[in-house]
Amino acid sequence: MPTEKQKQKQELEALAVKSDEEIDFSDIPEITDKQWTGAVRGLFARPETRHISIRLSAVDLRLANKLAAAKGLPYQTYIKSLLHESLLRENAKQPPQ
């Protein structure tokens, strides 16, 4: 007997081979222009990221973990946001070239 995940995959595969005209969209409400008022393009777009390794002192890492937990964030996300804010501040200090 197929699992729920396998059933869902089979349904999606069956839909993928159908044309739009063959798919019943009647249970999906139309989206009006009014619903798009205030919409922001790219709000959920994520910038390209790269995987790196970095050595941090154990003290700094413990502190980052503690502060991140207090904010309800994963420590890597917290460190990344601190680095980003610091780089923007430093860049703003630089004279235009």
N, C-alpha and C. Protein backbone atom coordinates (compact mmCIF):
# COMPACT_ATOMS: atom_id res chain seq x y z
N MET A 1 0.84 -1.18 0.00
CA MET A 1 0.00 0.00 0.00
C MET A 1 0.89 1.24 0.00
N PRO A 2 0.68 2.17 -0.94
CA PRO A 2 1.54 3.35 -1.02
C PRO A 2 1.33 4.30 0.16
N THR A 3 2.41 4.96 0.55
CA THR A 3 2.33 5.94 1.64
C THR A 3 1.65 7.20 1.12
N GLU A 4 1.32 8.09 2.05
CA GLU A 4 0.68 9.36 1.68
C GLU A 4 1.59 10.17 0.76
N LYS A 5 2.87 10.15 1.06
CA LYS A 5 3.84 10.89 0.24
C LYS A 5 3.91 10.30 -1.18
N GLN A 6 3.88 9.00 -1.28
CA GLN A 6 3.91 8.34 -2.59
C GLN A 6 2.63 8.66 -3.38
N LYS A 7 1.48 8.67 -2.69
CA LYS A 7 0.21 9.02 -3.35
C LYS A 7 0.27 10.44 -3.90
N GLN A 8 0.78 11.35 -3.07
CA GLN A 8 0.88 12.75 -3.49
C GLN A 8 1.81 12.89 -4.70
N LYS A 9 2.91 12.17 -4.68
CA LYS A 9 3.84 12.22 -5.80
C LYS A 9 3.18 11.70 -7.08
N GLN A 10 2.41 10.63 -6.97
CA GLN A 10 1.70 10.08 -8.12
C GLN A 10 0.68 11.07 -8.68
N GLU A 11 -0.05 11.75 -7.77
CA GLU A 11 -1.03 12.75 -8.20
C GLU A 11 -0.34 13.91 -8.93
N LEU A 12 0.78 14.35 -8.39
CA LEU A 12 1.51 15.45 -9.03
C LEU A 12 2.06 15.05 -10.39
N GLU A 13 2.54 13.83 -10.49
CA GLU A 13 3.04 13.34 -11.78
C GLU A 13 1.92 13.25 -12.81
N ALA A 14 0.73 12.81 -12.36
CA ALA A 14 -0.43 12.73 -13.26
C ALA A 14 -0.85 14.12 -13.72
N LEU A 15 -0.79 15.10 -12.84
CA LEU A 15 -1.14 16.48 -13.20
C LEU A 15 -0.11 17.07 -14.17
N ALA A 16 1.14 16.71 -13.98
CA ALA A 16 2.22 17.29 -14.80
C ALA A 16 2.05 16.97 -16.28
N VAL A 17 1.45 15.83 -16.60
CA VAL A 17 1.31 15.46 -18.01
C VAL A 17 0.03 16.01 -18.63
N LYS A 18 -0.86 16.59 -17.82
CA LYS A 18 -2.11 17.16 -18.34
C LYS A 18 -1.90 18.58 -18.81
N SER A 19 -2.68 18.99 -19.80
CA SER A 19 -2.65 20.40 -20.22
C SER A 19 -3.52 21.20 -19.26
N ASP A 20 -3.38 22.52 -19.26
CA ASP A 20 -4.18 23.38 -18.38
C ASP A 20 -5.67 23.18 -18.61
N GLU A 21 -6.06 22.94 -19.84
CA GLU A 21 -7.48 22.77 -20.17
C GLU A 21 -8.06 21.51 -19.54
N GLU A 22 -7.23 20.52 -19.27
CA GLU A 22 -7.69 19.25 -18.71
C GLU A 22 -7.79 19.28 -17.18
N ILE A 23 -7.24 20.31 -16.56
CA ILE A 23 -7.21 20.39 -15.10
C ILE A 23 -8.40 21.21 -14.60
N ASP A 24 -9.10 20.68 -13.60
CA ASP A 24 -10.26 21.35 -13.02
C ASP A 24 -9.79 22.36 -11.97
N PHE A 25 -9.91 23.64 -12.29
CA PHE A 25 -9.52 24.72 -11.38
C PHE A 25 -10.74 25.33 -10.68
N SER A 26 -11.92 24.69 -10.79
CA SER A 26 -13.16 25.29 -10.30
C SER A 26 -13.17 25.53 -8.79
N ASP A 27 -12.38 24.80 -8.03
CA ASP A 27 -12.38 24.99 -6.58
C ASP A 27 -11.36 26.05 -6.13
N ILE A 28 -10.69 26.67 -7.09
CA ILE A 28 -9.71 27.71 -6.77
C ILE A 28 -10.32 29.07 -7.11
N PRO A 29 -10.48 29.96 -6.13
CA PRO A 29 -11.09 31.25 -6.42
C PRO A 29 -10.19 32.11 -7.31
N GLU A 30 -10.82 32.94 -8.13
CA GLU A 30 -10.08 33.88 -8.98
C GLU A 30 -9.40 34.92 -8.11
N ILE A 31 -8.23 35.37 -8.53
CA ILE A 31 -7.53 36.43 -7.82
C ILE A 31 -7.85 37.74 -8.54
N THR A 32 -8.31 38.70 -7.76
CA THR A 32 -8.69 40.00 -8.34
C THR A 32 -7.53 40.98 -8.23
N ASP A 33 -7.62 42.06 -9.02
CA ASP A 33 -6.60 43.12 -8.94
C ASP A 33 -6.56 43.74 -7.55
N LYS A 34 -7.72 43.81 -6.89
CA LYS A 34 -7.78 44.39 -5.55
C LYS A 34 -6.92 43.60 -4.57
N GLN A 35 -6.88 42.28 -4.75
CA GLN A 35 -6.08 41.44 -3.86
C GLN A 35 -4.58 41.69 -4.03
N TRP A 36 -4.17 42.21 -5.17
CA TRP A 36 -2.76 42.48 -5.42
C TRP A 36 -2.33 43.86 -4.92
N THR A 37 -3.29 44.68 -4.46
CA THR A 37 -2.97 46.00 -3.94
C THR A 37 -2.00 45.86 -2.76
N GLY A 38 -0.92 46.55 -2.83
CA GLY A 38 0.08 46.49 -1.76
C GLY A 38 1.05 45.33 -1.88
N ALA A 39 0.91 44.53 -2.92
CA ALA A 39 1.83 43.42 -3.10
C ALA A 39 3.23 43.95 -3.41
N VAL A 40 4.23 43.23 -2.98
CA VAL A 40 5.62 43.62 -3.20
C VAL A 40 6.32 42.50 -3.96
N ARG A 41 6.85 42.82 -5.13
CA ARG A 41 7.56 41.83 -5.94
C ARG A 41 8.91 41.50 -5.29
N GLY A 42 9.20 40.23 -5.24
CA GLY A 42 10.51 39.79 -4.74
C GLY A 42 10.65 39.81 -3.24
N LEU A 43 9.55 39.95 -2.51
CA LEU A 43 9.62 40.03 -1.06
C LEU A 43 10.25 38.79 -0.44
N PHE A 44 9.99 37.63 -1.05
CA PHE A 44 10.50 36.39 -0.49
C PHE A 44 11.71 35.85 -1.25
N ALA A 45 12.22 36.64 -2.18
CA ALA A 45 13.40 36.20 -2.93
C ALA A 45 14.60 36.18 -1.99
N ARG A 46 15.41 35.20 -2.15
CA ARG A 46 16.61 35.10 -1.32
C ARG A 46 17.84 35.36 -2.17
N PRO A 47 18.78 36.11 -1.62
CA PRO A 47 20.01 36.33 -2.37
C PRO A 47 20.83 35.05 -2.49
N GLU A 48 21.68 35.02 -3.48
CA GLU A 48 22.56 33.86 -3.65
C GLU A 48 23.45 33.75 -2.42
N THR A 49 23.64 32.55 -1.95
CA THR A 49 24.55 32.33 -0.82
C THR A 49 25.61 31.32 -1.23
N ARG A 50 26.69 31.33 -0.50
CA ARG A 50 27.78 30.38 -0.72
C ARG A 50 28.15 29.75 0.61
N HIS A 51 28.50 28.50 0.55
CA HIS A 51 28.90 27.78 1.74
C HIS A 51 30.39 28.05 2.00
N ILE A 52 30.71 28.46 3.24
CA ILE A 52 32.11 28.70 3.60
C ILE A 52 32.39 28.07 4.97
N SER A 53 33.64 28.01 5.30
CA SER A 53 34.04 27.60 6.65
C SER A 53 34.76 28.78 7.27
N ILE A 54 34.54 28.99 8.55
CA ILE A 54 35.20 30.09 9.25
C ILE A 54 35.51 29.62 10.67
N ARG A 55 36.66 30.01 11.15
CA ARG A 55 37.05 29.65 12.51
C ARG A 55 36.70 30.82 13.43
N LEU A 56 35.94 30.50 14.49
CA LEU A 56 35.57 31.49 15.50
C LEU A 56 36.07 31.01 16.84
N SER A 57 36.34 31.97 17.72
CA SER A 57 36.76 31.57 19.06
C SER A 57 35.58 30.90 19.75
N ALA A 58 35.89 29.98 20.64
CA ALA A 58 34.85 29.25 21.37
C ALA A 58 34.00 30.23 22.19
N VAL A 59 34.64 31.25 22.73
CA VAL A 59 33.92 32.25 23.53
C VAL A 59 32.91 33.00 22.66
N ASP A 60 33.35 33.44 21.48
CA ASP A 60 32.44 34.16 20.58
C ASP A 60 31.29 33.27 20.12
N LEU A 61 31.59 32.01 19.85
CA LEU A 61 30.57 31.09 19.39
C LEU A 61 29.52 30.83 20.49
N ARG A 62 29.99 30.66 21.74
CA ARG A 62 29.05 30.47 22.85
C ARG A 62 28.16 31.69 23.01
N LEU A 63 28.76 32.87 22.92
CA LEU A 63 27.99 34.11 23.07
C LEU A 63 26.98 34.26 21.93
N ALA A 64 27.41 33.94 20.71
CA ALA A 64 26.50 34.01 19.56
C ALA A 64 25.33 33.05 19.74
N ASN A 65 25.61 31.85 20.22
CA ASN A 65 24.55 30.88 20.49
C ASN A 65 23.57 31.40 21.53
N LYS A 66 24.09 31.98 22.59
CA LYS A 66 23.26 32.52 23.67
C LYS A 66 22.38 33.65 23.16
N LEU A 67 22.97 34.60 22.45
CA LEU A 67 22.21 35.76 21.94
C LEU A 67 21.20 35.34 20.87
N ALA A 68 21.59 34.40 20.03
CA ALA A 68 20.68 33.92 18.99
C ALA A 68 19.48 33.22 19.62
N ALA A 69 19.74 32.41 20.63
CA ALA A 69 18.64 31.69 21.30
C ALA A 69 17.67 32.68 21.95
N ALA A 70 18.20 33.75 22.52
CA ALA A 70 17.35 34.77 23.15
C ALA A 70 16.44 35.44 22.12
N LYS A 71 16.90 35.51 20.87
CA LYS A 71 16.12 36.11 19.80
C LYS A 71 15.29 35.07 19.04
N GLY A 72 15.46 33.80 19.40
CA GLY A 72 14.72 32.74 18.74
C GLY A 72 15.23 32.45 17.34
N LEU A 73 16.52 32.67 17.12
CA LEU A 73 17.12 32.45 15.81
C LEU A 73 18.17 31.35 15.87
N PRO A 74 18.40 30.67 14.75
CA PRO A 74 19.56 29.77 14.69
C PRO A 74 20.84 30.62 14.76
N TYR A 75 21.86 30.10 15.40
CA TYR A 75 23.06 30.92 15.61
C TYR A 75 23.74 31.33 14.31
N GLN A 76 23.70 30.47 13.28
CA GLN A 76 24.34 30.84 12.02
C GLN A 76 23.60 31.99 11.35
N THR A 77 22.28 31.97 11.42
CA THR A 77 21.48 33.07 10.87
C THR A 77 21.80 34.35 11.62
N TYR A 78 21.92 34.26 12.93
CA TYR A 78 22.23 35.43 13.75
C TYR A 78 23.60 36.00 13.40
N ILE A 79 24.60 35.14 13.29
CA ILE A 79 25.95 35.60 12.92
C ILE A 79 25.93 36.23 11.53
N LYS A 80 25.20 35.61 10.60
CA LYS A 80 25.12 36.14 9.23
C LYS A 80 24.50 37.53 9.24
N SER A 81 23.45 37.74 10.04
CA SER A 81 22.81 39.06 10.08
C SER A 81 23.72 40.10 10.71
N LEU A 82 24.47 39.71 11.75
CA LEU A 82 25.43 40.63 12.36
C LEU A 82 26.52 41.04 11.38
N LEU A 83 27.02 40.07 10.64
CA LEU A 83 28.05 40.34 9.65
C LEU A 83 27.52 41.27 8.57
N HIS A 84 26.31 40.99 8.09
CA HIS A 84 25.71 41.81 7.05
C HIS A 84 25.54 43.26 7.51
N GLU A 85 24.98 43.45 8.70
CA GLU A 85 24.79 44.80 9.23
C GLU A 85 26.11 45.53 9.39
N SER A 86 27.12 44.82 9.87
CA SER A 86 28.44 45.43 10.07
C SER A 86 29.07 45.82 8.73
N LEU A 87 28.94 44.96 7.73
CA LEU A 87 29.50 45.28 6.41
C LEU A 87 28.80 46.49 5.79
N LEU A 88 27.49 46.59 5.95
CA LEU A 88 26.77 47.75 5.42
C LEU A 88 27.21 49.04 6.11
N ARG A 89 27.38 48.97 7.44
CA ARG A 89 27.86 50.14 8.19
C ARG A 89 29.25 50.57 7.72
N GLU A 90 30.16 49.60 7.60
CA GLU A 90 31.53 49.91 7.16
C GLU A 90 31.54 50.46 5.74
N ASN A 91 30.72 49.89 4.88
CA ASN A 91 30.66 50.36 3.49
C ASN A 91 30.16 51.80 3.42
N ALA A 92 29.20 52.14 4.29
CA ALA A 92 28.65 53.51 4.30
C ALA A 92 29.70 54.52 4.73
N LYS A 93 30.67 54.09 5.50
CA LYS A 93 31.74 54.99 5.96
C LYS A 93 32.75 55.30 4.86
N GLN A 94 32.81 54.43 3.85
CA GLN A 94 33.81 54.58 2.79
C GLN A 94 33.45 55.75 1.87
N PRO A 95 34.45 56.54 1.49
CA PRO A 95 34.15 57.62 0.54
C PRO A 95 33.80 57.05 -0.84
N PRO A 96 32.90 57.71 -1.57
CA PRO A 96 32.55 57.21 -2.91
C PRO A 96 33.76 57.16 -3.82
N GLN A 97 33.81 56.16 -4.68
CA GLN A 97 34.95 56.03 -5.59
C GLN A 97 34.56 56.37 -6.99
